[in-house]
PDB file of N, CA and C in Angstrom:
ATOM      1  N   UNK A   1      -0.428  -8.089   5.547  1.00  0.00           N
ATOM      2  CA  UNK A   1      -0.915  -9.396   5.906  1.00  0.00           C
ATOM      3  C   UNK A   1      -1.725  -9.952   4.734  1.00  0.00           C
ATOM      4  N   UNK A   2      -1.478 -11.170   4.388  1.00  0.00           N
ATOM      5  CA  UNK A   2      -2.194 -11.790   3.283  1.00  0.00           C
ATOM      6  C   UNK A   2      -3.566 -12.258   3.715  1.00  0.00           C
ATOM      7  N   UNK A   3      -4.507 -12.077   2.804  1.00  0.00           N
ATOM      8  CA  UNK A   3      -5.859 -12.567   3.024  1.00  0.00           C
ATOM      9  C   UNK A   3      -5.926 -13.947   2.385  1.00  0.00           C
ATOM     10  N   UNK A   4      -6.158 -14.961   3.175  1.00  0.00           N
ATOM     11  CA  UNK A   4      -6.115 -16.344   2.694  1.00  0.00           C
ATOM     12  C   UNK A   4      -7.151 -16.644   1.611  1.00  0.00           C
ATOM     13  N   UNK A   5      -8.191 -15.803   1.512  1.00  0.00           N
ATOM     14  CA  UNK A   5      -9.202 -16.031   0.479  1.00  0.00           C
ATOM     15  C   UNK A   5      -8.656 -15.768  -0.919  1.00  0.00           C
ATOM     16  N   UNK A   6      -7.535 -15.031  -1.019  1.00  0.00           N
ATOM     17  CA  UNK A   6      -7.027 -14.659  -2.327  1.00  0.00           C
ATOM     18  C   UNK A   6      -5.725 -15.357  -2.692  1.00  0.00           C
ATOM     19  N   UNK A   7      -5.384 -16.414  -1.979  1.00  0.00           N
ATOM     20  CA  UNK A   7      -4.229 -17.215  -2.343  1.00  0.00           C
ATOM     21  C   UNK A   7      -4.642 -18.087  -3.520  1.00  0.00           C
ATOM     22  N   UNK A   8      -3.885 -18.016  -4.596  1.00  0.00           N
ATOM     23  CA  UNK A   8      -4.246 -18.740  -5.819  1.00  0.00           C
ATOM     24  C   UNK A   8      -4.131 -20.246  -5.618  1.00  0.00           C
ATOM     25  N   UNK A   9      -5.154 -20.949  -6.028  1.00  0.00           N
ATOM     26  CA  UNK A   9      -5.105 -22.407  -6.001  1.00  0.00           C
ATOM     27  C   UNK A   9      -4.287 -22.904  -7.183  1.00  0.00           C
ATOM     28  N   UNK A  10      -4.391 -22.211  -8.281  1.00  0.00           N
ATOM     29  CA  UNK A  10      -3.615 -22.517  -9.473  1.00  0.00           C
ATOM     30  C   UNK A  10      -3.443 -21.212 -10.238  1.00  0.00           C
ATOM     31  N   UNK A  11      -2.447 -21.142 -11.043  1.00  0.00           N
ATOM     32  CA  UNK A  11      -2.192 -19.906 -11.788  1.00  0.00           C
ATOM     33  C   UNK A  11      -2.979 -19.909 -13.093  1.00  0.00           C
ATOM     34  N   UNK A  12      -3.422 -18.727 -13.488  1.00  0.00           N
ATOM     35  CA  UNK A  12      -4.077 -18.584 -14.775  1.00  0.00           C
ATOM     36  C   UNK A  12      -5.574 -18.780 -14.754  1.00  0.00           C
ATOM     37  N   UNK A  13      -6.145 -19.084 -13.616  1.00  0.00           N
ATOM     38  CA  UNK A  13      -7.586 -19.289 -13.554  1.00  0.00           C
ATOM     39  C   UNK A  13      -8.337 -17.973 -13.462  1.00  0.00           C
ATOM     40  N   UNK A  14      -9.572 -17.982 -13.897  1.00  0.00           N
ATOM     41  CA  UNK A  14     -10.417 -16.803 -13.833  1.00  0.00           C
ATOM     42  C   UNK A  14     -11.114 -16.735 -12.482  1.00  0.00           C
ATOM     43  N   UNK A  15     -11.391 -15.524 -12.046  1.00  0.00           N
ATOM     44  CA  UNK A  15     -12.132 -15.345 -10.800  1.00  0.00           C
ATOM     45  C   UNK A  15     -13.624 -15.413 -11.075  1.00  0.00           C
ATOM     46  N   UNK A  16     -14.339 -15.983 -10.137  1.00  0.00           N
ATOM     47  CA  UNK A  16     -15.797 -15.990 -10.232  1.00  0.00           C
ATOM     48  C   UNK A  16     -16.310 -14.620  -9.814  1.00  0.00           C
ATOM     49  N   UNK A  17     -17.570 -14.329 -10.119  1.00  0.00           N
ATOM     50  CA  UNK A  17     -18.147 -13.020  -9.809  1.00  0.00           C
ATOM     51  C   UNK A  17     -18.050 -12.706  -8.316  1.00  0.00           C
ATOM     52  N   UNK A  18     -18.328 -13.664  -7.469  1.00  0.00           N
ATOM     53  CA  UNK A  18     -18.253 -13.450  -6.022  1.00  0.00           C
ATOM     54  C   UNK A  18     -16.816 -13.159  -5.586  1.00  0.00           C
ATOM     55  N   UNK A  19     -15.851 -13.818  -6.213  1.00  0.00           N
ATOM     56  CA  UNK A  19     -14.452 -13.558  -5.885  1.00  0.00           C
ATOM     57  C   UNK A  19     -14.046 -12.139  -6.294  1.00  0.00           C
ATOM     58  N   UNK A  20     -14.574 -11.658  -7.421  1.00  0.00           N
ATOM     59  CA  UNK A  20     -14.316 -10.278  -7.838  1.00  0.00           C
ATOM     60  C   UNK A  20     -14.857  -9.308  -6.796  1.00  0.00           C
ATOM     61  N   UNK A  21     -16.055  -9.573  -6.306  1.00  0.00           N
ATOM     62  CA  UNK A  21     -16.661  -8.699  -5.293  1.00  0.00           C
ATOM     63  C   UNK A  21     -15.823  -8.690  -4.018  1.00  0.00           C
ATOM     64  N   UNK A  22     -15.343  -9.860  -3.606  1.00  0.00           N
ATOM     65  CA  UNK A  22     -14.502  -9.944  -2.413  1.00  0.00           C
ATOM     66  C   UNK A  22     -13.196  -9.182  -2.613  1.00  0.00           C
ATOM     67  N   UNK A  23     -12.621  -9.301  -3.797  1.00  0.00           N
ATOM     68  CA  UNK A  23     -11.371  -8.617  -4.092  1.00  0.00           C
ATOM     69  C   UNK A  23     -11.559  -7.103  -4.089  1.00  0.00           C
ATOM     70  N   UNK A  24     -12.665  -6.628  -4.631  1.00  0.00           N
ATOM     71  CA  UNK A  24     -12.967  -5.196  -4.623  1.00  0.00           C
ATOM     72  C   UNK A  24     -13.142  -4.702  -3.193  1.00  0.00           C
ATOM     73  N   UNK A  25     -13.862  -5.451  -2.378  1.00  0.00           N
ATOM     74  CA  UNK A  25     -14.054  -5.067  -0.973  1.00  0.00           C
ATOM     75  C   UNK A  25     -12.722  -4.995  -0.238  1.00  0.00           C
ATOM     76  N   UNK A  26     -11.858  -5.946  -0.495  1.00  0.00           N
ATOM     77  CA  UNK A  26     -10.539  -5.966   0.129  1.00  0.00           C
ATOM     78  C   UNK A  26      -9.719  -4.754  -0.311  1.00  0.00           C
ATOM     79  N   UNK A  27      -9.772  -4.415  -1.605  1.00  0.00           N
ATOM     80  CA  UNK A  27      -9.025  -3.270  -2.125  1.00  0.00           C
ATOM     81  C   UNK A  27      -9.529  -1.964  -1.520  1.00  0.00           C
ATOM     82  N   UNK A  28     -10.844  -1.844  -1.356  1.00  0.00           N
ATOM     83  CA  UNK A  28     -11.417  -0.644  -0.735  1.00  0.00           C
ATOM     84  C   UNK A  28     -10.937  -0.530   0.707  1.00  0.00           C
ATOM     85  N   UNK A  29     -10.929  -1.643   1.410  1.00  0.00           N
ATOM     86  CA  UNK A  29     -10.461  -1.652   2.798  1.00  0.00           C
ATOM     87  C   UNK A  29      -8.999  -1.206   2.873  1.00  0.00           C
ATOM     88  N   UNK A  30      -8.181  -1.686   1.963  1.00  0.00           N
ATOM     89  CA  UNK A  30      -6.768  -1.284   1.933  1.00  0.00           C
ATOM     90  C   UNK A  30      -6.642   0.212   1.663  1.00  0.00           C
ATOM     91  N   UNK A  31      -7.424   0.720   0.710  1.00  0.00           N
ATOM     92  CA  UNK A  31      -7.376   2.147   0.374  1.00  0.00           C
ATOM     93  C   UNK A  31      -7.772   2.999   1.576  1.00  0.00           C
ATOM     94  N   UNK A  32      -8.772   2.561   2.324  1.00  0.00           N
ATOM     95  CA  UNK A  32      -9.212   3.313   3.502  1.00  0.00           C
ATOM     96  C   UNK A  32      -8.093   3.441   4.532  1.00  0.00           C
ATOM     97  N   UNK A  33      -7.233   2.438   4.614  1.00  0.00           N
ATOM     98  CA  UNK A  33      -6.154   2.467   5.600  1.00  0.00           C
ATOM     99  C   UNK A  33      -5.066   3.482   5.243  1.00  0.00           C
ATOM    100  N   UNK A  34      -4.874   3.757   3.954  1.00  0.00           N
ATOM    101  CA  UNK A  34      -3.805   4.679   3.562  1.00  0.00           C
ATOM    102  C   UNK A  34      -4.308   6.090   3.267  1.00  0.00           C
ATOM    103  N   UNK A  35      -5.614   6.288   3.198  1.00  0.00           N
ATOM    104  CA  UNK A  35      -6.150   7.620   2.896  1.00  0.00           C
ATOM    105  C   UNK A  35      -5.641   8.712   3.836  1.00  0.00           C
ATOM    106  N   UNK A  36      -5.544   8.467   5.137  1.00  0.00           N
ATOM    107  CA  UNK A  36      -5.044   9.523   6.023  1.00  0.00           C
ATOM    108  C   UNK A  36      -3.627   9.991   5.667  1.00  0.00           C
ATOM    109  N   UNK A  37      -2.851   9.152   5.004  1.00  0.00           N
ATOM    110  CA  UNK A  37      -1.497   9.536   4.620  1.00  0.00           C
ATOM    111  C   UNK A  37      -1.497  10.597   3.526  1.00  0.00           C
ATOM    112  N   UNK A  38      -2.563  10.650   2.728  1.00  0.00           N
ATOM    113  CA  UNK A  38      -2.652  11.624   1.642  1.00  0.00           C
ATOM    114  C   UNK A  38      -3.063  13.000   2.145  1.00  0.00           C
ATOM    115  N   UNK A  39      -3.885  13.035   3.178  1.00  0.00           N
ATOM    116  CA  UNK A  39      -4.361  14.312   3.703  1.00  0.00           C
ATOM    117  C   UNK A  39      -5.120  15.091   2.645  1.00  0.00           C
ATOM    118  N   UNK A  40      -4.871  16.380   2.574  1.00  0.00           N
ATOM    119  CA  UNK A  40      -5.562  17.241   1.608  1.00  0.00           C
ATOM    120  C   UNK A  40      -4.912  17.210   0.233  1.00  0.00           C
ATOM    121  N   UNK A  41      -3.784  16.531   0.098  1.00  0.00           N
ATOM    122  CA  UNK A  41      -3.065  16.489  -1.171  1.00  0.00           C
ATOM    123  C   UNK A  41      -3.576  15.406  -2.118  1.00  0.00           C
ATOM    124  N   UNK A  42      -4.649  14.727  -1.754  1.00  0.00           N
ATOM    125  CA  UNK A  42      -5.156  13.632  -2.570  1.00  0.00           C
ATOM    126  C   UNK A  42      -5.724  14.160  -3.885  1.00  0.00           C
ATOM    127  N   UNK A  43      -5.437  13.461  -4.965  1.00  0.00           N
ATOM    128  CA  UNK A  43      -5.933  13.802  -6.287  1.00  0.00           C
ATOM    129  C   UNK A  43      -7.460  13.820  -6.278  1.00  0.00           C
ATOM    130  N   UNK A  44      -8.042  14.826  -6.897  1.00  0.00           N
ATOM    131  CA  UNK A  44      -9.501  14.976  -6.900  1.00  0.00           C
ATOM    132  C   UNK A  44     -10.198  13.799  -7.595  1.00  0.00           C
ATOM    133  N   UNK A  45      -9.592  13.263  -8.656  1.00  0.00           N
ATOM    134  CA  UNK A  45     -10.196  12.110  -9.345  1.00  0.00           C
ATOM    135  C   UNK A  45     -10.246  10.897  -8.428  1.00  0.00           C
ATOM    136  N   UNK A  46      -9.182  10.672  -7.688  1.00  0.00           N
ATOM    137  CA  UNK A  46      -9.160   9.551  -6.742  1.00  0.00           C
ATOM    138  C   UNK A  46     -10.214   9.742  -5.666  1.00  0.00           C
ATOM    139  N   UNK A  47     -10.336  10.962  -5.176  1.00  0.00           N
ATOM    140  CA  UNK A  47     -11.343  11.265  -4.163  1.00  0.00           C
ATOM    141  C   UNK A  47     -12.749  10.972  -4.700  1.00  0.00           C
ATOM    142  N   UNK A  48     -13.019  11.340  -5.952  1.00  0.00           N
ATOM    143  CA  UNK A  48     -14.334  11.097  -6.559  1.00  0.00           C
ATOM    144  C   UNK A  48     -14.622   9.610  -6.726  1.00  0.00           C
ATOM    145  N   UNK A  49     -13.625   8.850  -7.140  1.00  0.00           N
ATOM    146  CA  UNK A  49     -13.813   7.404  -7.312  1.00  0.00           C
ATOM    147  C   UNK A  49     -14.125   6.751  -5.973  1.00  0.00           C
ATOM    148  N   UNK A  50     -13.364   7.097  -4.961  1.00  0.00           N
ATOM    149  CA  UNK A  50     -13.598   6.506  -3.645  1.00  0.00           C
ATOM    150  C   UNK A  50     -14.959   6.906  -3.097  1.00  0.00           C
ATOM    151  N   UNK A  51     -15.374   8.130  -3.363  1.00  0.00           N
ATOM    152  CA  UNK A  51     -16.699   8.570  -2.928  1.00  0.00           C
ATOM    153  C   UNK A  51     -17.786   7.729  -3.606  1.00  0.00           C
ATOM    154  N   UNK A  52     -17.631   7.437  -4.895  1.00  0.00           N
ATOM    155  CA  UNK A  52     -18.619   6.649  -5.632  1.00  0.00           C
ATOM    156  C   UNK A  52     -18.723   5.225  -5.079  1.00  0.00           C
ATOM    157  N   UNK A  53     -17.642   4.704  -4.553  1.00  0.00           N
ATOM    158  CA  UNK A  53     -17.663   3.350  -3.995  1.00  0.00           C
ATOM    159  C   UNK A  53     -18.524   3.259  -2.749  1.00  0.00           C
ATOM    160  N   UNK A  54     -18.681   4.371  -2.054  1.00  0.00           N
ATOM    161  CA  UNK A  54     -19.477   4.376  -0.829  1.00  0.00           C
ATOM    162  C   UNK A  54     -20.962   4.526  -1.108  1.00  0.00           C
ATOM    163  N   UNK A  55     -21.304   4.952  -2.315  1.00  0.00           N
ATOM    164  CA  UNK A  55     -22.723   5.187  -2.647  1.00  0.00           C
ATOM    165  C   UNK A  55     -23.411   3.886  -2.998  1.00  0.00           C
TER     166      UNK A  55
END
């Protein structure tokens, strides 16, 4: 499902700082939805990065 906040108004424009934060939050939310699919086979580096996002 598309998040309407990230539909481009025009191509080639830069994101503002707040838009970057929203995009990061959205990406974290997406990652949380697929984590159960990895189970114990998840790469340790990926696990560490995701852990740092929660701190």
